[in-house]
Amino acid sequence: MSIKELKTLNIKTIIITTILSAFSFLVALTWRDAIQKTLNTFLPEGEGLFYDYLIAIIITIIAVTVTYTLLQIEKRNILPSKIKNKKNQANKT
Protein backbone atom coordinates (compact mmCIF):
# COMPACT_ATOMS: atom_id res chain seq x y z
CA MET A 1 0.00 0.00 0.00
CA SER A 2 1.18 3.46 -0.80
CA ILE A 3 1.20 6.36 1.63
CA LYS A 4 -1.68 7.98 -0.26
CA GLU A 5 -3.79 4.84 0.15
CA LEU A 6 -3.00 4.73 3.87
CA LYS A 7 -4.04 8.37 4.31
CA THR A 8 -7.28 7.71 2.44
CA LEU A 9 -7.93 4.64 4.56
CA ASN A 10 -7.39 6.62 7.76
CA ILE A 11 -9.76 9.37 6.63
CA LYS A 12 -12.41 6.79 5.70
CA THR A 13 -11.97 5.08 9.05
CA ILE A 14 -12.32 8.38 10.89
CA ILE A 15 -15.47 9.30 8.96
CA ILE A 16 -17.05 5.89 9.54
CA THR A 17 -16.16 5.99 13.23
CA THR A 18 -17.62 9.47 13.59
CA ILE A 19 -20.88 8.48 11.92
CA LEU A 20 -21.20 5.35 14.04
CA SER A 21 -20.48 7.37 17.18
CA ALA A 22 -23.20 9.87 16.26
CA PHE A 23 -25.73 7.07 15.76
CA SER A 24 -24.69 5.48 19.06
CA PHE A 25 -25.18 8.81 20.81
CA LEU A 26 -28.64 9.15 19.25
CA VAL A 27 -29.59 5.66 20.42
CA ALA A 28 -28.37 6.47 23.93
CA LEU A 29 -30.46 9.64 24.06
CA THR A 30 -33.53 7.74 22.88
CA TRP A 31 -33.07 5.10 25.56
CA ARG A 32 -32.46 7.81 28.15
CA ASP A 33 -35.83 9.39 27.36
CA ALA A 34 -37.61 6.04 27.48
CA ILE A 35 -36.03 5.09 30.80
CA GLN A 36 -36.74 8.52 32.27
CA LYS A 37 -40.42 8.36 31.29
CA THR A 38 -40.68 4.85 32.73
CA LEU A 39 -39.13 5.95 36.03
CA ASN A 40 -41.42 8.97 36.23
CA THR A 41 -44.42 6.67 35.79
CA PHE A 42 -43.49 4.23 38.56
CA LEU A 43 -41.56 6.28 41.12
CA PRO A 44 -42.88 8.86 43.55
CA GLU A 45 -42.08 12.46 42.62
CA GLY A 46 -40.28 13.36 45.84
CA GLU A 47 -37.68 10.60 45.52
CA GLY A 48 -36.49 11.44 42.00
CA LEU A 49 -32.90 12.49 42.78
CA PHE A 50 -32.10 9.34 44.78
CA TYR A 51 -33.44 7.10 42.02
CA ASP A 52 -31.62 9.10 39.34
CA TYR A 53 -28.31 8.33 41.06
CA LEU A 54 -29.27 4.72 41.69
CA ILE A 55 -30.14 4.17 38.01
CA ALA A 56 -26.95 5.96 36.92
CA ILE A 57 -24.86 3.64 39.11
CA ILE A 58 -26.64 0.53 37.84
CA ILE A 59 -26.27 1.55 34.19
CA THR A 60 -22.58 2.36 34.75
CA ILE A 61 -22.00 -1.09 36.25
CA ILE A 62 -23.75 -2.72 33.27
CA ALA A 63 -21.72 -0.65 30.78
CA VAL A 64 -18.42 -1.52 32.49
CA THR A 65 -19.35 -5.22 32.59
CA VAL A 66 -20.29 -5.30 28.90
CA THR A 67 -17.14 -3.39 27.92
CA TYR A 68 -14.94 -5.73 29.96
CA THR A 69 -16.62 -8.79 28.44
CA LEU A 70 -16.18 -7.50 24.89
CA LEU A 71 -12.52 -6.72 25.54
CA GLN A 72 -11.99 -10.24 26.88
CA ILE A 73 -13.65 -11.72 23.79
CA GLU A 74 -11.39 -9.64 21.53
CA LYS A 75 -8.33 -10.56 23.61
CA ARG A 76 -9.06 -14.29 23.30
CA ASN A 77 -9.70 -13.99 19.55
CA ILE A 78 -13.11 -15.63 19.79
CA LEU A 79 -14.07 -14.61 16.29
CA PRO A 80 -15.67 -16.47 13.39
CA SER A 81 -13.15 -17.95 10.96
CA LYS A 82 -13.99 -15.54 8.10
CA ILE A 83 -13.26 -12.54 10.29
CA LYS A 84 -10.05 -14.16 11.54
CA ASN A 85 -8.90 -14.75 7.96
CA LYS A 86 -9.58 -11.13 6.98
CA LYS A 87 -7.84 -9.91 10.12
CA ASN A 88 -4.79 -12.09 9.40
CA GLN A 89 -4.64 -10.86 5.79
CA ALA A 90 -4.83 -7.25 6.95
CA ASN A 91 -1.98 -7.81 9.41
CA LYS A 92 0.23 -9.33 6.70
CA THR A 93 -0.04 -6.28 4.42
PDB file of N, CA and C in Angstrom:
ATOM      1  N   MET A   1       0.834  -1.185   0.000  1.00  0.00           N
ATOM      2  CA  MET A   1       0.000   0.000   0.000  1.00  0.00           C
ATOM      3  C   MET A   1       0.872   1.239   0.000  1.00  0.00           C
ATOM      4  N   SER A   2       0.438   2.205  -0.762  1.00  0.00           N
ATOM      5  CA  SER A   2       1.175   3.457  -0.802  1.00  0.00           C
ATOM      6  C   SER A   2       0.742   4.365   0.353  1.00  0.00           C
ATOM      7  N   ILE A   3       1.511   5.405   0.569  1.00  0.00           N
ATOM      8  CA  ILE A   3       1.196   6.357   1.634  1.00  0.00           C
ATOM      9  C   ILE A   3      -0.140   7.037   1.365  1.00  0.00           C
ATOM     10  N   LYS A   4      -0.412   7.334   0.102  1.00  0.00           N
ATOM     11  CA  LYS A   4      -1.678   7.977  -0.260  1.00  0.00           C
ATOM     12  C   LYS A   4      -2.856   7.080   0.095  1.00  0.00           C
ATOM     13  N   GLU A   5      -2.724   5.780  -0.187  1.00  0.00           N
ATOM     14  CA  GLU A   5      -3.789   4.839   0.153  1.00  0.00           C
ATOM     15  C   GLU A   5      -3.985   4.750   1.663  1.00  0.00           C
ATOM     16  N   LEU A   6      -2.893   4.774   2.418  1.00  0.00           N
ATOM     17  CA  LEU A   6      -2.995   4.730   3.867  1.00  0.00           C
ATOM     18  C   LEU A   6      -3.693   5.968   4.419  1.00  0.00           C
ATOM     19  N   LYS A   7      -3.381   7.140   3.871  1.00  0.00           N
ATOM     20  CA  LYS A   7      -4.041   8.368   4.315  1.00  0.00           C
ATOM     21  C   LYS A   7      -5.527   8.325   3.999  1.00  0.00           C
ATOM     22  N   THR A   8      -5.881   7.831   2.823  1.00  0.00           N
ATOM     23  CA  THR A   8      -7.278   7.706   2.438  1.00  0.00           C
ATOM     24  C   THR A   8      -7.999   6.726   3.356  1.00  0.00           C
ATOM     25  N   LEU A   9      -7.351   5.631   3.668  1.00  0.00           N
ATOM     26  CA  LEU A   9      -7.928   4.639   4.557  1.00  0.00           C
ATOM     27  C   LEU A   9      -8.174   5.240   5.930  1.00  0.00           C
ATOM     28  N   ASN A  10      -7.225   6.004   6.445  1.00  0.00           N
ATOM     29  CA  ASN A  10      -7.395   6.616   7.756  1.00  0.00           C
ATOM     30  C   ASN A  10      -8.541   7.613   7.755  1.00  0.00           C
ATOM     31  N   ILE A  11      -8.672   8.399   6.710  1.00  0.00           N
ATOM     32  CA  ILE A  11      -9.765   9.366   6.633  1.00  0.00           C
ATOM     33  C   ILE A  11     -11.104   8.639   6.571  1.00  0.00           C
ATOM     34  N   LYS A  12     -11.180   7.573   5.775  1.00  0.00           N
ATOM     35  CA  LYS A  12     -12.413   6.791   5.697  1.00  0.00           C
ATOM     36  C   LYS A  12     -12.751   6.186   7.056  1.00  0.00           C
ATOM     37  N   THR A  13     -11.757   5.675   7.732  1.00  0.00           N
ATOM     38  CA  THR A  13     -11.967   5.084   9.047  1.00  0.00           C
ATOM     39  C   THR A  13     -12.476   6.126  10.030  1.00  0.00           C
ATOM     40  N   ILE A  14     -11.897   7.310   9.998  1.00  0.00           N
ATOM     41  CA  ILE A  14     -12.324   8.384  10.888  1.00  0.00           C
ATOM     42  C   ILE A  14     -13.762   8.785  10.601  1.00  0.00           C
ATOM     43  N   ILE A  15     -14.113   8.911   9.336  1.00  0.00           N
ATOM     44  CA  ILE A  15     -15.472   9.299   8.963  1.00  0.00           C
ATOM     45  C   ILE A  15     -16.471   8.234   9.407  1.00  0.00           C
ATOM     46  N   ILE A  16     -16.162   6.976   9.147  1.00  0.00           N
ATOM     47  CA  ILE A  16     -17.055   5.889   9.540  1.00  0.00           C
ATOM     48  C   ILE A  16     -17.209   5.847  11.059  1.00  0.00           C
ATOM     49  N   THR A  17     -16.110   5.997  11.772  1.00  0.00           N
ATOM     50  CA  THR A  17     -16.156   5.986  13.232  1.00  0.00           C
ATOM     51  C   THR A  17     -16.992   7.136  13.760  1.00  0.00           C
ATOM     52  N   THR A  18     -16.850   8.304  13.162  1.00  0.00           N
ATOM     53  CA  THR A  18     -17.620   9.467  13.591  1.00  0.00           C
ATOM     54  C   THR A  18     -19.112   9.261  13.364  1.00  0.00           C
ATOM     55  N   ILE A  19     -19.470   8.731  12.214  1.00  0.00           N
ATOM     56  CA  ILE A  19     -20.885   8.479  11.916  1.00  0.00           C
ATOM     57  C   ILE A  19     -21.463   7.444  12.872  1.00  0.00           C
ATOM     58  N   LEU A  20     -20.729   6.363  13.110  1.00  0.00           N
ATOM     59  CA  LEU A  20     -21.204   5.346  14.040  1.00  0.00           C
ATOM     60  C   LEU A  20     -21.329   5.895  15.458  1.00  0.00           C
ATOM     61  N   SER A  21     -20.407   6.750  15.856  1.00  0.00           N
ATOM     62  CA  SER A  21     -20.482   7.371  17.180  1.00  0.00           C
ATOM     63  C   SER A  21     -21.709   8.264  17.300  1.00  0.00           C
ATOM     64  N   ALA A  22     -22.012   9.001  16.250  1.00  0.00           N
ATOM     65  CA  ALA A  22     -23.197   9.867  16.263  1.00  0.00           C
ATOM     66  C   ALA A  22     -24.476   9.037  16.392  1.00  0.00           C
ATOM     67  N   PHE A  23     -24.561   7.932  15.650  1.00  0.00           N
ATOM     68  CA  PHE A  23     -25.733   7.073  15.764  1.00  0.00           C
ATOM     69  C   PHE A  23     -25.821   6.443  17.154  1.00  0.00           C
ATOM     70  N   SER A  24     -24.698   6.052  17.712  1.00  0.00           N
ATOM     71  CA  SER A  24     -24.687   5.477  19.062  1.00  0.00           C
ATOM     72  C   SER A  24     -25.179   6.495  20.081  1.00  0.00           C
ATOM     73  N   PHE A  25     -24.753   7.743  19.922  1.00  0.00           N
ATOM     74  CA  PHE A  25     -25.185   8.807  20.815  1.00  0.00           C
ATOM     75  C   PHE A  25     -26.693   9.019  20.693  1.00  0.00           C
ATOM     76  N   LEU A  26     -27.208   8.988  19.482  1.00  0.00           N
ATOM     77  CA  LEU A  26     -28.641   9.152  19.251  1.00  0.00           C
ATOM     78  C   LEU A  26     -29.428   8.021  19.908  1.00  0.00           C
ATOM     79  N   VAL A  27     -28.940   6.806  19.783  1.00  0.00           N
ATOM     80  CA  VAL A  27     -29.594   5.659  20.418  1.00  0.00           C
ATOM     81  C   VAL A  27     -29.586   5.825  21.932  1.00  0.00           C
ATOM     82  N   ALA A  28     -28.464   6.270  22.484  1.00  0.00           N
ATOM     83  CA  ALA A  28     -28.365   6.473  23.930  1.00  0.00           C
ATOM     84  C   ALA A  28     -29.361   7.529  24.409  1.00  0.00           C
ATOM     85  N   LEU A  29     -29.497   8.603  23.676  1.00  0.00           N
ATOM     86  CA  LEU A  29     -30.463   9.642  24.058  1.00  0.00           C
ATOM     87  C   LEU A  29     -31.894   9.124  23.999  1.00  0.00           C
ATOM     88  N   THR A  30     -32.189   8.310  23.010  1.00  0.00           N
ATOM     89  CA  THR A  30     -33.529   7.744  22.880  1.00  0.00           C
ATOM     90  C   THR A  30     -33.847   6.832  24.063  1.00  0.00           C
ATOM     91  N   TRP A  31     -32.877   5.985  24.409  1.00  0.00           N
ATOM     92  CA  TRP A  31     -33.071   5.102  25.556  1.00  0.00           C
ATOM     93  C   TRP A  31     -33.182   5.898  26.847  1.00  0.00           C
ATOM     94  N   ARG A  32     -32.415   6.976  26.951  1.00  0.00           N
ATOM     95  CA  ARG A  32     -32.462   7.812  28.151  1.00  0.00           C
ATOM     96  C   ARG A  32     -33.871   8.358  28.349  1.00  0.00           C
ATOM     97  N   ASP A  33     -34.466   8.859  27.278  1.00  0.00           N
ATOM     98  CA  ASP A  33     -35.825   9.390  27.363  1.00  0.00           C
ATOM     99  C   ASP A  33     -36.825   8.307  27.762  1.00  0.00           C
ATOM    100  N   ALA A  34     -36.684   7.138  27.167  1.00  0.00           N
ATOM    101  CA  ALA A  34     -37.605   6.044  27.477  1.00  0.00           C
ATOM    102  C   ALA A  34     -37.473   5.618  28.944  1.00  0.00           C
ATOM    103  N   ILE A  35     -36.252   5.491  29.408  1.00  0.00           N
ATOM    104  CA  ILE A  35     -36.026   5.087  30.802  1.00  0.00           C
ATOM    105  C   ILE A  35     -36.534   6.166  31.755  1.00  0.00           C
ATOM    106  N   GLN A  36     -36.290   7.418  31.419  1.00  0.00           N
ATOM    107  CA  GLN A  36     -36.736   8.519  32.272  1.00  0.00           C
ATOM    108  C   GLN A  36     -38.266   8.553  32.374  1.00  0.00           C
ATOM    109  N   LYS A  37     -38.954   8.373  31.263  1.00  0.00           N
ATOM    110  CA  LYS A  37     -40.420   8.360  31.290  1.00  0.00           C
ATOM    111  C   LYS A  37     -40.948   7.174  32.094  1.00  0.00           C
ATOM    112  N   THR A  38     -40.282   6.027  31.971  1.00  0.00           N
ATOM    113  CA  THR A  38     -40.683   4.851  32.735  1.00  0.00           C
ATOM    114  C   THR A  38     -40.506   5.092  34.222  1.00  0.00           C
ATOM    115  N   LEU A  39     -39.374   5.661  34.610  1.00  0.00           N
ATOM    116  CA  LEU A  39     -39.131   5.948  36.026  1.00  0.00           C
ATOM    117  C   LEU A  39     -40.137   6.955  36.566  1.00  0.00           C
ATOM    118  N   ASN A  40     -40.445   7.970  35.790  1.00  0.00           N
ATOM    119  CA  ASN A  40     -41.418   8.971  36.229  1.00  0.00           C
ATOM    120  C   ASN A  40     -42.808   8.364  36.425  1.00  0.00           C
ATOM    121  N   THR A  41     -43.118   7.326  35.677  1.00  0.00           N
ATOM    122  CA  THR A  41     -44.419   6.673  35.792  1.00  0.00           C
ATOM    123  C   THR A  41     -44.520   5.858  37.078  1.00  0.00           C
ATOM    124  N   PHE A  42     -43.433   5.166  37.452  1.00  0.00           N
ATOM    125  CA  PHE A  42     -43.492   4.227  38.563  1.00  0.00           C
ATOM    126  C   PHE A  42     -42.964   4.762  39.892  1.00  0.00           C
ATOM    127  N   LEU A  43     -42.180   5.806  39.884  1.00  0.00           N
ATOM    128  CA  LEU A  43     -41.564   6.278  41.123  1.00  0.00           C
ATOM    129  C   LEU A  43     -42.273   7.513  41.656  1.00  0.00           C
ATOM    130  N   PRO A  44     -42.276   7.658  42.971  1.00  0.00           N
ATOM    131  CA  PRO A  44     -42.878   8.863  43.551  1.00  0.00           C
ATOM    132  C   PRO A  44     -42.069  10.109  43.181  1.00  0.00           C
ATOM    133  N   GLU A  45     -42.743  11.238  43.079  1.00  0.00           N
ATOM    134  CA  GLU A  45     -42.079  12.457  42.620  1.00  0.00           C
ATOM    135  C   GLU A  45     -41.028  12.969  43.590  1.00  0.00           C
ATOM    136  N   GLY A  46     -41.214  12.819  44.860  1.00  0.00           N
ATOM    137  CA  GLY A  46     -40.280  13.364  45.843  1.00  0.00           C
ATOM    138  C   GLY A  46     -38.949  12.626  45.914  1.00  0.00           C
ATOM    139  N   GLU A  47     -38.882  11.430  45.408  1.00  0.00           N
ATOM    140  CA  GLU A  47     -37.685  10.596  45.517  1.00  0.00           C
ATOM    141  C   GLU A  47     -36.860  10.576  44.232  1.00  0.00           C
ATOM    142  N   GLY A  48     -37.110  11.481  43.313  1.00  0.00           N
ATOM    143  CA  GLY A  48     -36.488  11.442  41.998  1.00  0.00           C
ATOM    144  C   GLY A  48     -34.973  11.474  41.997  1.00  0.00           C
ATOM    145  N   LEU A  49     -34.358  12.338  42.800  1.00  0.00           N
ATOM    146  CA  LEU A  49     -32.898  12.486  42.778  1.00  0.00           C
ATOM    147  C   LEU A  49     -32.201  11.211  43.237  1.00  0.00           C
ATOM    148  N   PHE A  50     -32.697  10.585  44.299  1.00  0.00           N
ATOM    149  CA  PHE A  50     -32.104   9.341  44.780  1.00  0.00           C
ATOM    150  C   PHE A  50     -32.143   8.276  43.689  1.00  0.00           C
ATOM    151  N   TYR A  51     -33.295   8.126  43.050  1.00  0.00           N
ATOM    152  CA  TYR A  51     -33.439   7.102  42.021  1.00  0.00           C
ATOM    153  C   TYR A  51     -32.626   7.431  40.766  1.00  0.00           C
ATOM    154  N   ASP A  52     -32.475   8.708  40.474  1.00  0.00           N
ATOM    155  CA  ASP A  52     -31.621   9.095  39.341  1.00  0.00           C
ATOM    156  C   ASP A  52     -30.190   8.604  39.558  1.00  0.00           C
ATOM    157  N   TYR A  53     -29.668   8.807  40.762  1.00  0.00           N
ATOM    158  CA  TYR A  53     -28.309   8.332  41.058  1.00  0.00           C
ATOM    159  C   TYR A  53     -28.242   6.812  41.084  1.00  0.00           C
ATOM    160  N   LEU A  54     -29.252   6.184  41.635  1.00  0.00           N
ATOM    161  CA  LEU A  54     -29.272   4.722  41.689  1.00  0.00           C
ATOM    162  C   LEU A  54     -29.262   4.131  40.273  1.00  0.00           C
ATOM    163  N   ILE A  55     -30.103   4.654  39.398  1.00  0.00           N
ATOM    164  CA  ILE A  55     -30.144   4.171  38.011  1.00  0.00           C
ATOM    165  C   ILE A  55     -28.827   4.446  37.304  1.00  0.00           C
ATOM    166  N   ALA A  56     -28.235   5.621  37.546  1.00  0.00           N
ATOM    167  CA  ALA A  56     -26.947   5.958  36.919  1.00  0.00           C
ATOM    168  C   ALA A  56     -25.865   4.968  37.349  1.00  0.00           C
ATOM    169  N   ILE A  57     -25.854   4.603  38.611  1.00  0.00           N
ATOM    170  CA  ILE A  57     -24.864   3.636  39.112  1.00  0.00           C
ATOM    171  C   ILE A  57     -25.092   2.267  38.484  1.00  0.00           C
ATOM    172  N   ILE A  58     -26.335   1.835  38.419  1.00  0.00           N
ATOM    173  CA  ILE A  58     -26.644   0.527  37.844  1.00  0.00           C
ATOM    174  C   ILE A  58     -26.267   0.478  36.363  1.00  0.00           C
ATOM    175  N   ILE A  59     -26.597   1.512  35.618  1.00  0.00           N
ATOM    176  CA  ILE A  59     -26.269   1.546  34.187  1.00  0.00           C
ATOM    177  C   ILE A  59     -24.756   1.589  33.979  1.00  0.00           C
ATOM    178  N   THR A  60     -24.046   2.311  34.845  1.00  0.00           N
ATOM    179  CA  THR A  60     -22.582   2.355  34.754  1.00  0.00           C
ATOM    180  C   THR A  60     -21.983   0.973  34.988  1.00  0.00           C
ATOM    181  N   ILE A  61     -22.493   0.265  35.971  1.00  0.00           N
ATOM    182  CA  ILE A  61     -22.001  -1.091  36.251  1.00  0.00           C
ATOM    183  C   ILE A  61     -22.257  -2.010  35.057  1.00  0.00           C
ATOM    184  N   ILE A  62     -23.433  -1.902  34.457  1.00  0.00           N
ATOM    185  CA  ILE A  62     -23.752  -2.717  33.274  1.00  0.00           C
ATOM    186  C   ILE A  62     -22.812  -2.365  32.120  1.00  0.00           C
ATOM    187  N   ALA A  63     -22.589  -1.075  31.885  1.00  0.00           N
ATOM    188  CA  ALA A  63     -21.718  -0.650  30.784  1.00  0.00           C
ATOM    189  C   ALA A  63     -20.286  -1.141  30.985  1.00  0.00           C
ATOM    190  N   VAL A  64     -19.788  -1.054  32.204  1.00  0.00           N
ATOM    191  CA  VAL A  64     -18.422  -1.521  32.488  1.00  0.00           C
ATOM    192  C   VAL A  64     -18.337  -3.029  32.288  1.00  0.00           C
ATOM    193  N   THR A  65     -19.340  -3.755  32.741  1.00  0.00           N
ATOM    194  CA  THR A  65     -19.348  -5.217  32.592  1.00  0.00           C
ATOM    195  C   THR A  65     -19.369  -5.622  31.121  1.00  0.00           C
ATOM    196  N   VAL A  66     -20.216  -4.981  30.336  1.00  0.00           N
ATOM    197  CA  VAL A  66     -20.291  -5.303  28.903  1.00  0.00           C
ATOM    198  C   VAL A  66     -18.982  -4.953  28.201  1.00  0.00           C
ATOM    199  N   THR A  67     -18.418  -3.799  28.521  1.00  0.00           N
ATOM    200  CA  THR A  67     -17.143  -3.391  27.920  1.00  0.00           C
ATOM    201  C   THR A  67     -16.041  -4.378  28.266  1.00  0.00           C
ATOM    202  N   TYR A  68     -15.951  -4.770  29.529  1.00  0.00           N
ATOM    203  CA  TYR A  68     -14.938  -5.728  29.960  1.00  0.00           C
ATOM    204  C   TYR A  68     -15.116  -7.062  29.230  1.00  0.00           C
ATOM    205  N   THR A  69     -16.352  -7.522  29.119  1.00  0.00           N
ATOM    206  CA  THR A  69     -16.624  -8.791  28.438  1.00  0.00           C
ATOM    207  C   THR A  69     -16.218  -8.723  26.970  1.00  0.00           C
ATOM    208  N   LEU A  70     -16.559  -7.637  26.297  1.00  0.00           N
ATOM    209  CA  LEU A  70     -16.182  -7.496  24.887  1.00  0.00           C
ATOM    210  C   LEU A  70     -14.668  -7.437  24.708  1.00  0.00           C
ATOM    211  N   LEU A  71     -13.988  -6.765  25.614  1.00  0.00           N
ATOM    212  CA  LEU A  71     -12.523  -6.717  25.539  1.00  0.00           C
ATOM    213  C   LEU A  71     -11.910  -8.099  25.754  1.00  0.00           C
ATOM    214  N   GLN A  72     -12.491  -8.882  26.649  1.00  0.00           N
ATOM    215  CA  GLN A  72     -11.988 -10.238  26.879  1.00  0.00           C
ATOM    216  C   GLN A  72     -12.233 -11.120  25.659  1.00  0.00           C
ATOM    217  N   ILE A  73     -13.368 -10.954  25.009  1.00  0.00           N
ATOM    218  CA  ILE A  73     -13.655 -11.722  23.792  1.00  0.00           C
ATOM    219  C   ILE A  73     -12.639 -11.366  22.706  1.00  0.00           C
ATOM    220  N   GLU A  74     -12.367 -10.081  22.535  1.00  0.00           N
ATOM    221  CA  GLU A  74     -11.386  -9.643  21.532  1.00  0.00           C
ATOM    222  C   GLU A  74      -9.994 -10.159  21.881  1.00  0.00           C
ATOM    223  N   LYS A  75      -9.653 -10.122  23.147  1.00  0.00           N
ATOM    224  CA  LYS A  75      -8.333 -10.561  23.605  1.00  0.00           C
ATOM    225  C   LYS A  75      -8.115 -12.055  23.336  1.00  0.00           C
ATOM    226  N   ARG A  76      -9.160 -12.837  23.492  1.00  0.00           N
ATOM    227  CA  ARG A  76      -9.058 -14.285  23.301  1.00  0.00           C
ATOM    228  C   ARG A  76      -9.259 -14.701  21.853  1.00  0.00           C
ATOM    229  N   ASN A  77      -9.495 -13.735  20.979  1.00  0.00           N
ATOM    230  CA  ASN A  77      -9.704 -13.993  19.549  1.00  0.00           C
ATOM    231  C   ASN A  77     -10.835 -14.977  19.299  1.00  0.00           C
ATOM    232  N   ILE A  78     -11.935 -14.796  20.007  1.00  0.00           N
ATOM    233  CA  ILE A  78     -13.110 -15.632  19.793  1.00  0.00           C
ATOM    234  C   ILE A  78     -13.914 -14.981  18.676  1.00  0.00           C
ATOM    235  N   LEU A  79     -13.445 -15.213  17.461  1.00  0.00           N
ATOM    236  CA  LEU A  79     -14.066 -14.611  16.290  1.00  0.00           C
ATOM    237  C   LEU A  79     -14.370 -15.692  15.271  1.00  0.00           C
ATOM    238  N   PRO A  80     -15.407 -15.501  14.469  1.00  0.00           N
ATOM    239  CA  PRO A  80     -15.669 -16.467  13.392  1.00  0.00           C
ATOM    240  C   PRO A  80     -14.477 -16.567  12.453  1.00  0.00           C
ATOM    241  N   SER A  81     -14.322 -17.690  11.792  1.00  0.00           N
ATOM    242  CA  SER A  81     -13.148 -17.948  10.961  1.00  0.00           C
ATOM    243  C   SER A  81     -13.004 -16.950   9.819  1.00  0.00           C
ATOM    244  N   LYS A  82     -14.092 -16.500   9.203  1.00  0.00           N
ATOM    245  CA  LYS A  82     -13.988 -15.542   8.103  1.00  0.00           C
ATOM    246  C   LYS A  82     -13.382 -14.232   8.582  1.00  0.00           C
ATOM    247  N   ILE A  83     -13.802 -13.790   9.747  1.00  0.00           N
ATOM    248  CA  ILE A  83     -13.265 -12.540  10.285  1.00  0.00           C
ATOM    249  C   ILE A  83     -11.792 -12.731  10.647  1.00  0.00           C
ATOM    250  N   LYS A  84     -11.445 -13.890  11.208  1.00  0.00           N
ATOM    251  CA  LYS A  84     -10.051 -14.161  11.537  1.00  0.00           C
ATOM    252  C   LYS A  84      -9.177 -14.117  10.292  1.00  0.00           C
ATOM    253  N   ASN A  85      -9.670 -14.723   9.212  1.00  0.00           N
ATOM    254  CA  ASN A  85      -8.902 -14.748   7.965  1.00  0.00           C
ATOM    255  C   ASN A  85      -8.684 -13.334   7.440  1.00  0.00           C
ATOM    256  N   LYS A  86      -9.713 -12.518   7.444  1.00  0.00           N
ATOM    257  CA  LYS A  86      -9.582 -11.135   6.976  1.00  0.00           C
ATOM    258  C   LYS A  86      -8.626 -10.351   7.870  1.00  0.00           C
ATOM    259  N   LYS A  87      -8.717 -10.601   9.170  1.00  0.00           N
ATOM    260  CA  LYS A  87      -7.843  -9.915  10.116  1.00  0.00           C
ATOM    261  C   LYS A  87      -6.392 -10.321   9.886  1.00  0.00           C
ATOM    262  N   ASN A  88      -6.149 -11.605   9.659  1.00  0.00           N
ATOM    263  CA  ASN A  88      -4.789 -12.088   9.403  1.00  0.00           C
ATOM    264  C   ASN A  88      -4.243 -11.513   8.111  1.00  0.00           C
ATOM    265  N   GLN A  89      -5.085 -11.435   7.075  1.00  0.00           N
ATOM    266  CA  GLN A  89      -4.638 -10.861   5.794  1.00  0.00           C
ATOM    267  C   GLN A  89      -4.309  -9.393   5.945  1.00  0.00           C
ATOM    268  N   ALA A  90      -5.086  -8.675   6.734  1.00  0.00           N
ATOM    269  CA  ALA A  90      -4.832  -7.249   6.948  1.00  0.00           C
ATOM    270  C   ALA A  90      -3.517  -7.040   7.706  1.00  0.00           C
ATOM    271  N   ASN A  91      -3.220  -7.932   8.644  1.00  0.00           N
ATOM    272  CA  ASN A  91      -1.979  -7.812   9.410  1.00  0.00           C
ATOM    273  C   ASN A  91      -0.744  -8.116   8.556  1.00  0.00           C
ATOM    274  N   LYS A  92      -0.894  -8.975   7.555  1.00  0.00           N
ATOM    275  CA  LYS A  92       0.233  -9.333   6.699  1.00  0.00           C
ATOM    276  C   LYS A  92       0.625  -8.208   5.748  1.00  0.00           C
ATOM    277  N   THR A  93      -0.335  -7.348   5.373  1.00  0.00           N
ATOM    278  CA  THR A  93      -0.038  -6.282   4.418  1.00  0.00           C
ATOM    279  C   THR A  93       0.498  -5.048   5.081  1.00  0.00           C
TER     280      THR A  93
END
